[in-house]
């Protein structure tokens, strides 16, 4: 009796779960921005509104660019997501400097 050979990576045995994990990660990130924005909103309304807007942008990016696109737009999506992450990081850095 031969033993079944298991793949090295879990994604190789269950490739459908990787997309779900990615979607959940984007959702968790948006929820984290929303919770942080709500907490900041109490003491600094302008900064809180900006962080809440970032939460909506983070959630919307995932919905706007689903992972199933196979028509060669992967590089375009990667560039757009990279720019979005840099903008979010820049806004967060700016808020941390001005609010402190």
Protein backbone atom coordinates (compact mmCIF):
# COMPACT_ATOMS: atom_id res chain seq x y z
CA UNK A 1 0.00 0.00 0.00
CA UNK A 2 1.44 3.37 -1.02
CA UNK A 3 1.03 6.51 1.03
CA UNK A 4 -0.50 9.54 -0.70
CA UNK A 5 1.97 12.30 -1.47
CA UNK A 6 0.97 15.59 0.11
CA UNK A 7 1.98 18.84 -1.57
CA UNK A 8 4.44 21.15 0.18
CA UNK A 9 2.07 24.12 0.14
CA UNK A 10 -1.52 24.00 1.43
CA UNK A 11 -2.64 26.12 -1.54
CA UNK A 12 -1.61 23.30 -3.87
CA UNK A 13 -4.02 20.86 -2.24
CA UNK A 14 -6.88 23.36 -1.80
CA UNK A 15 -6.33 26.22 -4.26
CA UNK A 16 -9.82 27.64 -3.71
CA UNK A 17 -9.05 28.67 -0.15
CA UNK A 18 -6.32 31.14 -1.11
CA UNK A 19 -8.87 33.46 -2.72
CA UNK A 20 -11.09 33.29 0.34
CA UNK A 21 -8.16 34.07 2.64
CA UNK A 22 -7.21 37.05 0.50
CA UNK A 23 -10.77 38.35 0.54
CA UNK A 24 -10.95 37.92 4.31
CA UNK A 25 -7.63 39.74 4.75
CA UNK A 26 -8.91 42.74 2.78
CA UNK A 27 -12.10 42.72 4.83
CA UNK A 28 -10.17 42.54 8.13
CA UNK A 29 -7.99 45.44 7.04
CA UNK A 30 -11.03 47.55 6.19
CA UNK A 31 -12.65 46.70 9.53
CA UNK A 32 -9.43 47.63 11.36
CA UNK A 33 -9.34 51.00 9.58
CA UNK A 34 -13.02 51.52 10.43
CA UNK A 35 -12.54 50.74 14.11
CA UNK A 36 -9.45 52.94 14.30
CA UNK A 37 -11.27 55.75 12.52
CA UNK A 38 -14.21 55.49 14.91
CA UNK A 39 -11.85 55.66 17.91
CA UNK A 40 -9.99 58.67 16.48
CA UNK A 41 -13.25 60.38 15.55
CA UNK A 42 -14.04 60.96 19.22
CA UNK A 43 -11.06 63.26 19.87
CA UNK A 44 -9.99 64.37 16.38
CA UNK A 45 -13.00 64.54 14.01
CA UNK A 46 -11.09 65.47 10.84
CA UNK A 47 -8.49 62.73 11.26
CA UNK A 48 -11.23 60.22 12.13
CA UNK A 49 -13.16 61.03 8.97
CA UNK A 50 -10.00 60.59 6.89
CA UNK A 51 -9.29 57.18 8.43
CA UNK A 52 -12.94 56.13 7.91
CA UNK A 53 -12.58 57.16 4.26
CA UNK A 54 -9.47 54.97 4.06
CA UNK A 55 -11.55 52.09 5.41
CA UNK A 56 -14.07 52.55 2.62
CA UNK A 57 -11.26 52.84 0.05
CA UNK A 58 -9.63 49.64 1.30
CA UNK A 59 -12.90 47.73 1.18
CA UNK A 60 -13.77 49.18 -2.22
CA UNK A 61 -10.41 48.28 -3.77
CA UNK A 62 -11.00 44.60 -3.19
CA UNK A 63 -14.49 44.78 -4.63
CA UNK A 64 -13.38 46.85 -7.60
CA UNK A 65 -10.55 44.48 -8.58
CA UNK A 66 -11.53 40.85 -8.04
CA UNK A 67 -8.78 38.22 -8.09
CA UNK A 68 -10.32 36.21 -10.93
CA UNK A 69 -9.12 38.56 -13.69
CA UNK A 70 -7.03 36.43 -16.06
CA UNK A 71 -6.98 38.75 -19.07
CA UNK A 72 -3.48 40.12 -18.52
CA UNK A 73 -4.61 42.93 -16.23
CA UNK A 74 -2.71 41.44 -13.30
CA UNK A 75 0.23 43.86 -13.68
CA UNK A 76 -2.18 46.80 -13.88
CA UNK A 77 -3.99 45.63 -10.75
CA UNK A 78 -0.72 45.14 -8.89
CA UNK A 79 0.41 48.66 -9.82
CA UNK A 80 -2.92 50.14 -8.73
CA UNK A 81 -2.91 48.29 -5.41
CA UNK A 82 0.71 49.32 -4.79
CA UNK A 83 -0.17 52.96 -5.39
CA UNK A 84 -3.21 52.65 -3.12
CA UNK A 85 -1.11 51.14 -0.32
CA UNK A 86 1.45 53.93 -0.66
CA UNK A 87 -1.29 56.56 -0.52
CA UNK A 88 -2.84 54.96 2.58
CA UNK A 89 0.58 54.76 4.24
CA UNK A 90 1.33 58.38 3.36
CA UNK A 91 -1.99 59.60 4.74
CA UNK A 92 -1.50 57.55 7.91
CA UNK A 93 2.01 58.98 8.33
CA UNK A 94 0.74 62.50 7.76
CA UNK A 95 -2.04 62.01 10.30
CA UNK A 96 0.31 60.59 12.89
CA UNK A 97 2.64 63.57 12.54
CA UNK A 98 -0.08 66.24 12.61
CA UNK A 99 -2.34 64.73 15.30
CA UNK A 100 0.46 63.94 17.76
